C-alpha atoms as a PDB file:
ATOM      1  CA  MET A   1     187.483 -93.657-102.268  1.00  0.00           C
ATOM      2  CA  GLU A   2     189.449 -91.050-104.161  1.00  0.00           C
ATOM      3  CA  ARG A   3     187.755 -87.683-104.499  1.00  0.00           C
ATOM      4  CA  LYS A   4     188.700 -85.240-107.201  1.00  0.00           C
ATOM      5  CA  HIS A   5     187.725 -81.797-108.439  1.00  0.00           C
ATOM      6  CA  LEU A   6     185.765 -81.780-111.691  1.00  0.00           C
ATOM      7  CA  HIS A   7     187.580 -78.539-112.445  1.00  0.00           C
ATOM      8  CA  LEU A   8     190.117 -76.428-110.554  1.00  0.00           C
ATOM      9  CA  LYS A   9     187.185 -74.136-109.718  1.00  0.00           C
ATOM     10  CA  GLY A  10     184.639 -76.926-109.551  1.00  0.00           C
ATOM     11  CA  PRO A  11     183.199 -79.263-106.922  1.00  0.00           C
ATOM     12  CA  GLU A  12     185.093 -82.166-105.420  1.00  0.00           C
ATOM     13  CA  LEU A  13     183.200 -85.390-106.191  1.00  0.00           C
ATOM     14  CA  SER A  14     183.753 -89.068-105.579  1.00  0.00           C
ATOM     15  CA  ARG A  15     185.305 -90.626-108.702  1.00  0.00           C
ATOM     16  CA  ILE A  16     182.318 -92.966-108.971  1.00  0.00           C
ATOM     17  CA  VAL A  17     178.962 -91.148-108.959  1.00  0.00           C
ATOM     18  CA  ALA A  18     175.648 -92.784-108.059  1.00  0.00           C
ATOM     19  CA  GLY A  19     172.966 -92.133-110.659  1.00  0.00           C
ATOM     20  CA  ALA A  20     169.507 -91.941-109.086  1.00  0.00           C
ATOM     21  CA  TRP A  21     167.341 -92.002-112.217  1.00  0.00           C
ATOM     22  CA  ARG A  22     165.761 -95.353-111.264  1.00  0.00           C
ATOM     23  CA  TRP A  23     165.713 -94.810-107.488  1.00  0.00           C
ATOM     24  CA  ASN A  24     161.973 -94.590-106.915  1.00  0.00           C
ATOM     25  CA  ALA A  25     161.090 -96.316-103.622  1.00  0.00           C
ATOM     26  CA  GLU A  26     161.987 -94.628-100.321  1.00  0.00           C
ATOM     27  CA  ALA A  27     163.139 -97.759 -98.493  1.00  0.00           C
ATOM     28  CA  ASP A  28     165.352 -98.718-101.436  1.00  0.00           C
ATOM     29  CA  VAL A  29     166.724 -95.190-101.747  1.00  0.00           C
ATOM     30  CA  HIS A  30     167.648 -95.093 -98.061  1.00  0.00           C
ATOM     31  CA  ARG A  31     169.510 -98.389 -98.435  1.00  0.00           C
ATOM     32  CA  LEU A  32     171.276 -97.271-101.621  1.00  0.00           C
ATOM     33  CA  VAL A  33     172.326 -93.953-100.088  1.00  0.00           C
ATOM     34  CA  SER A  34     173.700 -95.698 -97.006  1.00  0.00           C
ATOM     35  CA  VAL A  35     175.579 -98.319 -99.018  1.00  0.00           C
ATOM     36  CA  SER A  36     176.965 -95.685-101.397  1.00  0.00           C
ATOM     37  CA  LEU A  37     178.294 -93.507 -98.586  1.00  0.00           C
ATOM     38  CA  GLU A  38     179.813 -96.513 -96.829  1.00  0.00           C
ATOM     39  CA  ALA A  39     181.578 -97.428-100.077  1.00  0.00           C
ATOM     40  CA  GLY A  40     182.937 -93.891-100.473  1.00  0.00           C
ATOM     41  CA  ILE A  41     180.476 -92.820-103.181  1.00  0.00           C
ATOM     42  CA  THR A  42     179.392 -89.400-101.956  1.00  0.00           C
ATOM     43  CA  SER A  43     178.057 -87.838-105.167  1.00  0.00           C
ATOM     44  CA  PHE A  44     174.480 -88.389-106.375  1.00  0.00           C
ATOM     45  CA  ASP A  45     173.227 -87.547-109.858  1.00  0.00           C
ATOM     46  CA  HIS A  46     169.589 -86.481-110.346  1.00  0.00           C
ATOM     47  CA  ALA A  47     167.413 -84.681-112.864  1.00  0.00           C
ATOM     48  CA  ASP A  48     164.130 -82.873-112.390  1.00  0.00           C
ATOM     49  CA  ILE A  49     162.358 -85.251-114.807  1.00  0.00           C
ATOM     50  CA  TYR A  50     163.510 -88.567-113.316  1.00  0.00           C
ATOM     51  CA  GLY A  51     160.670 -90.814-112.175  1.00  0.00           C
ATOM     52  CA  ASP A  52     158.068 -88.612-113.887  1.00  0.00           C
ATOM     53  CA  TYR A  53     159.292 -85.659-111.809  1.00  0.00           C
ATOM     54  CA  GLY A  54     159.133 -87.726-108.615  1.00  0.00           C
ATOM     55  CA  ASN A  55     162.553 -89.196-107.815  1.00  0.00           C
ATOM     56  CA  GLU A  56     164.074 -86.056-106.304  1.00  0.00           C
ATOM     57  CA  LYS A  57     161.223 -85.872-103.782  1.00  0.00           C
ATOM     58  CA  ILE A  58     161.748 -89.520-102.752  1.00  0.00           C
ATOM     59  CA  PHE A  59     165.472 -88.865-102.277  1.00  0.00           C
ATOM     60  CA  GLY A  60     164.576 -85.724-100.360  1.00  0.00           C
ATOM     61  CA  GLU A  61     162.364 -87.686 -97.975  1.00  0.00           C
ATOM     62  CA  VAL A  62     165.397 -89.768 -97.035  1.00  0.00           C
ATOM     63  CA  LEU A  63     167.388 -86.594 -96.344  1.00  0.00           C
ATOM     64  CA  ARG A  64     164.569 -85.039 -94.332  1.00  0.00           C
ATOM     65  CA  LYS A  65     164.437 -88.103 -92.101  1.00  0.00           C
ATOM     66  CA  ASN A  66     168.240 -88.248 -91.869  1.00  0.00           C
ATOM     67  CA  PRO A  67     169.348 -84.579 -91.940  1.00  0.00           C
ATOM     68  CA  GLY A  68     172.949 -85.417 -91.062  1.00  0.00           C
ATOM     69  CA  LEU A  69     173.481 -87.089 -94.449  1.00  0.00           C
ATOM     70  CA  ARG A  70     173.464 -83.901 -96.525  1.00  0.00           C
ATOM     71  CA  LYS A  71     176.809 -82.602 -95.257  1.00  0.00           C
ATOM     72  CA  ASN A  72     178.481 -85.824 -96.411  1.00  0.00           C
ATOM     73  CA  MET A  73     177.288 -85.732-100.020  1.00  0.00           C
ATOM     74  CA  GLN A  74     177.258 -83.704-103.210  1.00  0.00           C
ATOM     75  CA  LEU A  75     173.984 -83.306-105.104  1.00  0.00           C
ATOM     76  CA  ILE A  76     173.937 -82.950-108.874  1.00  0.00           C
ATOM     77  CA  THR A  77     170.767 -82.297-110.822  1.00  0.00           C
ATOM     78  CA  LYS A  78     169.767 -81.409-114.353  1.00  0.00           C
ATOM     79  CA  CYS A  79     167.082 -79.270-115.982  1.00  0.00           C
ATOM     80  CA  GLY A  80     165.960 -78.184-119.427  1.00  0.00           C
ATOM     81  CA  ILE A  81     163.770 -81.072-120.635  1.00  0.00           C
ATOM     82  CA  LYS A  82     159.975 -80.850-120.472  1.00  0.00           C
ATOM     83  CA  LEU A  83     158.164 -84.167-120.661  1.00  0.00           C
ATOM     84  CA  LEU A  84     154.552 -85.011-121.309  1.00  0.00           C
ATOM     85  CA  SER A  85     153.312 -85.521-117.768  1.00  0.00           C
ATOM     86  CA  GLY A  86     150.309 -85.080-115.552  1.00  0.00           C
ATOM     87  CA  HIS A  87     152.537 -82.814-113.482  1.00  0.00           C
ATOM     88  CA  HIS A  88     152.764 -80.327-116.371  1.00  0.00           C
ATOM     89  CA  ARG A  89     149.357 -80.176-118.010  1.00  0.00           C
ATOM     90  CA  LYS A  90     150.293 -77.213-120.211  1.00  0.00           C
ATOM     91  CA  THR A  91     152.983 -79.282-121.961  1.00  0.00           C
ATOM     92  CA  TRP A  92     151.603 -80.987-125.083  1.00  0.00           C
ATOM     93  CA  ILE A  93     154.886 -82.036-126.697  1.00  0.00           C
ATOM     94  CA  LYS A  94     158.249 -83.110-125.327  1.00  0.00           C
ATOM     95  CA  HIS A  95     160.620 -80.201-125.771  1.00  0.00           C
ATOM     96  CA  TYR A  96     163.563 -78.316-124.281  1.00  0.00           C
ATOM     97  CA  ASP A  97     163.354 -75.128-122.246  1.00  0.00           C
ATOM     98  CA  THR A  98     166.452 -73.232-121.145  1.00  0.00           C
ATOM     99  CA  SER A  99     164.659 -69.951-120.533  1.00  0.00           C
ATOM    100  CA  LYS A 100     165.422 -67.961-117.390  1.00  0.00           C
ATOM    101  CA  GLU A 101     161.917 -68.580-116.101  1.00  0.00           C
ATOM    102  CA  HIS A 102     162.149 -72.353-116.493  1.00  0.00           C
ATOM    103  CA  ILE A 103     165.668 -72.773-115.104  1.00  0.00           C
ATOM    104  CA  LEU A 104     164.847 -70.702-112.011  1.00  0.00           C
ATOM    105  CA  ALA A 105     161.587 -72.582-111.441  1.00  0.00           C
ATOM    106  CA  SER A 106     163.262 -75.960-111.973  1.00  0.00           C
ATOM    107  CA  VAL A 107     166.011 -75.168-109.471  1.00  0.00           C
ATOM    108  CA  ASP A 108     163.486 -74.006-106.875  1.00  0.00           C
ATOM    109  CA  ASN A 109     161.473 -77.198-107.403  1.00  0.00           C
ATOM    110  CA  SER A 110     164.600 -79.350-107.058  1.00  0.00           C
ATOM    111  CA  LEU A 111     165.687 -77.548-103.890  1.00  0.00           C
ATOM    112  CA  LYS A 112     162.249 -78.094-102.376  1.00  0.00           C
ATOM    113  CA  ALA A 113     162.040 -81.731-103.498  1.00  0.00           C
ATOM    114  CA  LEU A 114     165.535 -82.596-102.292  1.00  0.00           C
ATOM    115  CA  GLY A 115     165.061 -80.716 -99.038  1.00  0.00           C
ATOM    116  CA  THR A 116     168.295 -78.771 -99.383  1.00  0.00           C
ATOM    117  CA  ASP A 117     169.357 -75.126 -99.472  1.00  0.00           C
ATOM    118  CA  TYR A 118     171.774 -75.519-102.356  1.00  0.00           C
ATOM    119  CA  ILE A 119     172.685 -77.734-105.300  1.00  0.00           C
ATOM    120  CA  ASP A 120     176.362 -78.535-105.716  1.00  0.00           C
ATOM    121  CA  LEU A 121     176.178 -78.857-109.502  1.00  0.00           C
ATOM    122  CA  LEU A 122     173.458 -77.962-112.014  1.00  0.00           C
ATOM    123  CA  LEU A 123     173.595 -79.268-115.600  1.00  0.00           C
ATOM    124  CA  ILE A 124     171.644 -78.266-118.676  1.00  0.00           C
ATOM    125  CA  HIS A 125     170.291 -81.714-119.544  1.00  0.00           C
ATOM    126  CA  ARG A 126     170.283 -81.483-123.354  1.00  0.00           C
ATOM    127  CA  PRO A 127     171.414 -78.881-125.894  1.00  0.00           C
ATOM    128  CA  ASP A 128     168.437 -76.662-126.681  1.00  0.00           C
ATOM    129  CA  PRO A 129     168.255 -75.230-130.227  1.00  0.00           C
ATOM    130  CA  LEU A 130     166.523 -72.171-128.742  1.00  0.00           C
ATOM    131  CA  LEU A 131     169.106 -71.668-125.981  1.00  0.00           C
ATOM    132  CA  ASP A 132     169.960 -67.986-125.548  1.00  0.00           C
ATOM    133  CA  PRO A 133     173.497 -67.941-124.086  1.00  0.00           C
ATOM    134  CA  GLU A 134     173.167 -64.414-122.684  1.00  0.00           C
ATOM    135  CA  GLU A 135     169.950 -65.386-120.885  1.00  0.00           C
ATOM    136  CA  VAL A 136     171.484 -68.603-119.540  1.00  0.00           C
ATOM    137  CA  SER A 137     174.567 -66.706-118.377  1.00  0.00           C
ATOM    138  CA  GLU A 138     172.396 -64.172-116.555  1.00  0.00           C
ATOM    139  CA  THR A 139     170.354 -66.982-114.976  1.00  0.00           C
ATOM    140  CA  PHE A 140     173.392 -68.960-113.838  1.00  0.00           C
ATOM    141  CA  GLY A 141     174.891 -65.781-112.374  1.00  0.00           C
ATOM    142  CA  LEU A 142     171.721 -65.086-110.400  1.00  0.00           C
ATOM    143  CA  LEU A 143     171.576 -68.654-109.041  1.00  0.00           C
ATOM    144  CA  LYS A 144     175.228 -68.475-108.023  1.00  0.00           C
ATOM    145  CA  GLN A 145     174.821 -65.053-106.429  1.00  0.00           C
ATOM    146  CA  ASN A 146     171.840 -66.295-104.399  1.00  0.00           C
ATOM    147  CA  GLY A 147     173.751 -69.398-103.259  1.00  0.00           C
ATOM    148  CA  LYS A 148     171.202 -71.776-104.736  1.00  0.00           C
ATOM    149  CA  VAL A 149     173.704 -73.441-107.110  1.00  0.00           C
ATOM    150  CA  LEU A 150     177.449 -73.618-106.523  1.00  0.00           C
ATOM    151  CA  HIS A 151     178.674 -74.891-109.914  1.00  0.00           C
ATOM    152  CA  PHE A 152     177.374 -75.343-113.440  1.00  0.00           C
ATOM    153  CA  GLY A 153     177.883 -77.705-116.356  1.00  0.00           C
ATOM    154  CA  VAL A 154     176.110 -79.277-119.297  1.00  0.00           C
ATOM    155  CA  SER A 155     175.094 -82.709-120.501  1.00  0.00           C
ATOM    156  CA  ASN A 156     175.167 -84.203-123.997  1.00  0.00           C
ATOM    157  CA  PHE A 157     176.558 -81.012-125.545  1.00  0.00           C
ATOM    158  CA  SER A 158     178.704 -81.075-128.660  1.00  0.00           C
ATOM    159  CA  ASN A 159     182.145 -79.462-128.592  1.00  0.00           C
ATOM    160  CA  THR A 160     180.970 -76.300-130.314  1.00  0.00           C
ATOM    161  CA  GLN A 161     177.902 -76.041-128.076  1.00  0.00           C
ATOM    162  CA  PHE A 162     180.113 -76.355-124.981  1.00  0.00           C
ATOM    163  CA  GLU A 163     182.573 -73.774-126.280  1.00  0.00           C
ATOM    164  CA  MET A 164     179.801 -71.360-127.292  1.00  0.00           C
ATOM    165  CA  LEU A 165     178.087 -71.372-123.894  1.00  0.00           C
ATOM    166  CA  GLN A 166     181.410 -71.181-122.055  1.00  0.00           C
ATOM    167  CA  SER A 167     182.308 -68.047-124.014  1.00  0.00           C
ATOM    168  CA  TYR A 168     179.323 -66.238-122.463  1.00  0.00           C
ATOM    169  CA  LEU A 169     179.981 -67.256-118.853  1.00  0.00           C
ATOM    170  CA  PRO A 170     182.213 -65.415-116.346  1.00  0.00           C
ATOM    171  CA  PHE A 171     182.939 -68.717-114.563  1.00  0.00           C
ATOM    172  CA  PRO A 172     183.782 -72.186-115.887  1.00  0.00           C
ATOM    173  CA  LEU A 173     181.471 -74.925-117.023  1.00  0.00           C
ATOM    174  CA  VAL A 174     182.938 -77.681-114.885  1.00  0.00           C
ATOM    175  CA  THR A 175     181.789 -80.734-116.877  1.00  0.00           C
ATOM    176  CA  ASN A 176     179.953 -82.160-119.858  1.00  0.00           C
ATOM    177  CA  GLN A 177     178.071 -85.332-118.902  1.00  0.00           C
ATOM    178  CA  VAL A 178     178.188 -87.571-121.980  1.00  0.00           C
ATOM    179  CA  GLU A 179     177.559 -91.188-122.896  1.00  0.00           C
ATOM    180  CA  VAL A 180     180.830 -93.094-123.041  1.00  0.00           C
ATOM    181  CA  SER A 181     181.724 -96.734-122.452  1.00  0.00           C
ATOM    182  CA  LEU A 182     183.499 -99.610-124.148  1.00  0.00           C
ATOM    183  CA  SER A 183     180.361 -99.985-126.278  1.00  0.00           C
ATOM    184  CA  LYS A 184     180.046 -96.236-126.984  1.00  0.00           C
ATOM    185  CA  LEU A 185     183.422 -94.888-128.052  1.00  0.00           C
ATOM    186  CA  ASP A 186     182.436 -91.761-130.003  1.00  0.00           C
ATOM    187  CA  ALA A 187     183.668 -89.326-127.347  1.00  0.00           C
ATOM    188  CA  LEU A 188     187.219 -90.659-127.738  1.00  0.00           C
ATOM    189  CA  TYR A 189     187.307 -89.735-131.417  1.00  0.00           C
ATOM    190  CA  ASP A 190     184.923 -86.818-132.022  1.00  0.00           C
ATOM    191  CA  GLY A 191     186.838 -84.305-129.919  1.00  0.00           C
ATOM    192  CA  THR A 192     184.518 -84.374-126.892  1.00  0.00           C
ATOM    193  CA  LEU A 193     187.176 -85.529-124.430  1.00  0.00           C
ATOM    194  CA  ASP A 194     189.843 -83.405-126.120  1.00  0.00           C
ATOM    195  CA  THR A 195     187.721 -80.284-125.685  1.00  0.00           C
ATOM    196  CA  LEU A 196     187.173 -81.004-122.000  1.00  0.00           C
ATOM    197  CA  LEU A 197     190.893 -81.583-121.517  1.00  0.00           C
ATOM    198  CA  ARG A 198     191.544 -78.198-123.124  1.00  0.00           C
ATOM    199  CA  PHE A 199     189.110 -76.515-120.741  1.00  0.00           C
ATOM    200  CA  LYS A 200     190.429 -78.579-117.792  1.00  0.00           C
ATOM    201  CA  ALA A 201     186.905 -79.840-117.132  1.00  0.00           C
ATOM    202  CA  CYS A 202     186.473 -83.525-116.359  1.00  0.00           C
ATOM    203  CA  PRO A 203     183.718 -85.435-118.163  1.00  0.00           C
ATOM    204  CA  MET A 204     180.994 -87.342-116.364  1.00  0.00           C
ATOM    205  CA  ALA A 205     180.268 -90.633-118.158  1.00  0.00           C
ATOM    206  CA  TRP A 206     176.647 -91.766-118.202  1.00  0.00           C
ATOM    207  CA  SER A 207     175.774 -95.361-119.080  1.00  0.00           C
ATOM    208  CA  PRO A 208     179.408 -96.378-118.404  1.00  0.00           C
ATOM    209  CA  LEU A 209     178.477-100.064-118.675  1.00  0.00           C
ATOM    210  CA  GLY A 210     176.714 -99.604-121.996  1.00  0.00           C
ATOM    211  CA  GLY A 211     173.260-100.100-120.508  1.00  0.00           C
ATOM    212  CA  GLY A 212     174.227-103.661-119.574  1.00  0.00           C
ATOM    213  CA  ARG A 213     175.299-104.548-123.116  1.00  0.00           C
ATOM    214  CA  LEU A 214     178.914-104.989-122.051  1.00  0.00           C
ATOM    215  CA  MET A 215     178.052-107.796-119.656  1.00  0.00           C
ATOM    216  CA  SER A 216     177.121-109.999-122.613  1.00  0.00           C
ATOM    217  CA  ALA A 217     180.136-108.951-124.671  1.00  0.00           C
ATOM    218  CA  ALA A 218     182.697-111.322-126.127  1.00  0.00           C
ATOM    219  CA  SER A 219     184.500-113.284-123.433  1.00  0.00           C
ATOM    220  CA  ALA A 220     187.821-112.078-124.839  1.00  0.00           C
ATOM    221  CA  LEU A 221     187.002-108.624-123.442  1.00  0.00           C
ATOM    222  CA  TRP A 222     187.141-110.059-119.945  1.00  0.00           C
ATOM    223  CA  SER A 223     190.283-112.158-120.356  1.00  0.00           C
ATOM    224  CA  LYS A 224     192.080-110.041-117.735  1.00  0.00           C
ATOM    225  CA  LYS A 225     189.579-110.762-114.956  1.00  0.00           C
ATOM    226  CA  GLU A 226     191.816-113.232-113.200  1.00  0.00           C
ATOM    227  CA  SER A 227     195.010-111.201-113.414  1.00  0.00           C
ATOM    228  CA  TYR A 228     193.280-108.133-111.954  1.00  0.00           C
ATOM    229  CA  LYS A 229     191.017-110.158-109.638  1.00  0.00           C
ATOM    230  CA  ALA A 230     188.169-108.037-110.974  1.00  0.00           C
ATOM    231  CA  THR A 231     184.659-108.402-112.363  1.00  0.00           C
ATOM    232  CA  GLU A 232     183.427-107.292-115.779  1.00  0.00           C
ATOM    233  CA  THR A 233     181.835-104.237-114.168  1.00  0.00           C
ATOM    234  CA  GLN A 234     185.048-103.271-112.410  1.00  0.00           C
ATOM    235  CA  LEU A 235     187.167-103.676-115.550  1.00  0.00           C
ATOM    236  CA  SER A 236     184.699-101.582-117.557  1.00  0.00           C
ATOM    237  CA  LEU A 237     184.844 -98.757-115.033  1.00  0.00           C
ATOM    238  CA  ALA A 238     188.613 -99.033-114.604  1.00  0.00           C
ATOM    239  CA  TRP A 239     188.965 -98.665-118.373  1.00  0.00           C
ATOM    240  CA  LEU A 240     187.147 -95.312-118.207  1.00  0.00           C
ATOM    241  CA  LEU A 241     189.009 -94.186-115.090  1.00  0.00           C
ATOM    242  CA  LYS A 242     192.334 -94.711-116.899  1.00  0.00           C
ATOM    243  CA  HIS A 243     191.609 -91.958-119.427  1.00  0.00           C
ATOM    244  CA  PRO A 244     193.615 -88.744-118.801  1.00  0.00           C
ATOM    245  CA  SER A 245     190.466 -86.602-119.004  1.00  0.00           C
ATOM    246  CA  GLY A 246     189.690 -87.806-115.473  1.00  0.00           C
ATOM    247  CA  MET A 247     186.275 -89.315-116.144  1.00  0.00           C
ATOM    248  CA  PHE A 248     183.654 -89.662-113.425  1.00  0.00           C
ATOM    249  CA  PRO A 249     181.501 -92.721-114.295  1.00  0.00           C
ATOM    250  CA  VAL A 250     177.843 -92.370-113.268  1.00  0.00           C
ATOM    251  CA  ILE A 251     176.542 -95.810-112.335  1.00  0.00           C
ATOM    252  CA  GLY A 252     172.801 -96.424-112.560  1.00  0.00           C
ATOM    253  CA  THR A 253     172.336 -99.580-110.553  1.00  0.00           C
ATOM    254  CA  THR A 254     169.505-100.126-108.067  1.00  0.00           C
ATOM    255  CA  GLN A 255     171.274-103.072-106.417  1.00  0.00           C
ATOM    256  CA  PRO A 256     173.332-102.357-103.274  1.00  0.00           C
ATOM    257  CA  GLU A 257     175.788-105.160-104.032  1.00  0.00           C
ATOM    258  CA  ARG A 258     176.501-103.644-107.437  1.00  0.00           C
ATOM    259  CA  VAL A 259     177.220-100.291-105.798  1.00  0.00           C
ATOM    260  CA  ILE A 260     179.831-101.947-103.575  1.00  0.00           C
ATOM    261  CA  GLU A 261     181.257-103.841-106.558  1.00  0.00           C
ATOM    262  CA  SER A 262     181.515-100.678-108.666  1.00  0.00           C
ATOM    263  CA  ALA A 263     183.211 -98.674-105.922  1.00  0.00           C
ATOM    264  CA  LYS A 264     186.115-101.125-105.891  1.00  0.00           C
ATOM    265  CA  ALA A 265     186.966-100.279-109.517  1.00  0.00           C
ATOM    266  CA  ILE A 266     188.806 -97.215-108.242  1.00  0.00           C
ATOM    267  CA  ASN A 267     191.589 -99.502-106.960  1.00  0.00           C
ATOM    268  CA  ILE A 268     192.340-100.995-110.392  1.00  0.00           C
ATOM    269  CA  ASN A 269     195.091 -99.442-112.488  1.00  0.00           C
ATOM    270  CA  LEU A 270     194.957-101.014-115.945  1.00  0.00           C
ATOM    271  CA  ASP A 271     198.215-101.606-117.762  1.00  0.00           C
ATOM    272  CA  ARG A 272     198.447 -99.484-120.916  1.00  0.00           C
ATOM    273  CA  GLN A 273     198.581-102.539-123.200  1.00  0.00           C
ATOM    274  CA  ASP A 274     195.621-104.127-121.447  1.00  0.00           C
ATOM    275  CA  TRP A 275     193.709-100.870-121.978  1.00  0.00           C
ATOM    276  CA  PHE A 276     194.475-100.955-125.699  1.00  0.00           C
ATOM    277  CA  GLU A 277     193.634-104.645-125.927  1.00  0.00           C
ATOM    278  CA  MET A 278     190.195-103.927-124.469  1.00  0.00           C
ATOM    279  CA  LEU A 279     189.793-101.054-126.943  1.00  0.00           C
ATOM    280  CA  LYS A 280     190.712-103.364-129.825  1.00  0.00           C
ATOM    281  CA  ILE A 281     188.184-106.011-128.769  1.00  0.00           C
ATOM    282  CA  ALA A 282     185.450-103.422-128.180  1.00  0.00           C
ATOM    283  CA  SER A 283     186.019-101.606-131.492  1.00  0.00           C
ATOM    284  CA  GLY A 284     186.809-104.718-133.520  1.00  0.00           C
ATOM    285  CA  ARG A 285     190.059-103.381-134.915  1.00  0.00           C
ATOM    286  CA  ASP A 286     193.630-102.468-134.114  1.00  0.00           C
ATOM    287  CA  VAL A 287     194.580 -98.842-133.719  1.00  0.00           C
ATOM    288  CA  PRO A 288     195.873 -97.449-137.062  1.00  0.00           C
END
């Protein structure tokens, strides 16, 4: 599979990324990791909170039992959300925390859980109204200096939030992970993708299949299946891959066969008119 840099100074990831937010059984995780790597998907997306703060540890158990796997993959994780959980008894309300203390502690916990010495890419999971950009910049710099995190980005940030934080950092934010699919088109029109193009940072697209909604979409959307010899999933991903921002779709499947199916989307190059026809059907209108 094609690999590409998220940014000129960013990590090189597989164009399809495996999202591990529902990977919560060790035997299944081992199978999914193996199938992903065989299909050329080498990048794995985590967050500290996934699986009630447990999924990273399950993934880490697979790596501990198969230590040779780590050198063949890139690990992405996210921090900044605090959930109500038995693991954090002092938390009484869901909230965001981008303080130096929390980011450092979250990274250390993720490193321990994943059984690795470094994280390839750390994202701030959600924009925090109390985010102090000078404090975050200092914290990111310390993590980079100590070799615990190689690259940094954000998730679900608005254009102005991305630009603001970037202005405080001495190195680039290499991505903004945002929701975008044929059923969620906002990023195409609200400047999100334009901003990332300007900063030469590729977006990561979460829920690229619209949480499964696309699979029950109007049959007209899939009229090109035969001509491309592709499935609905593959056409949906190919549509995102066509965008000049260089999107990296993050698939969330727990089914090995769907991983293999999704990986093949990288070989589909949609015709420009087919791309616009799919946009028209998805949006319900012609372009102006």
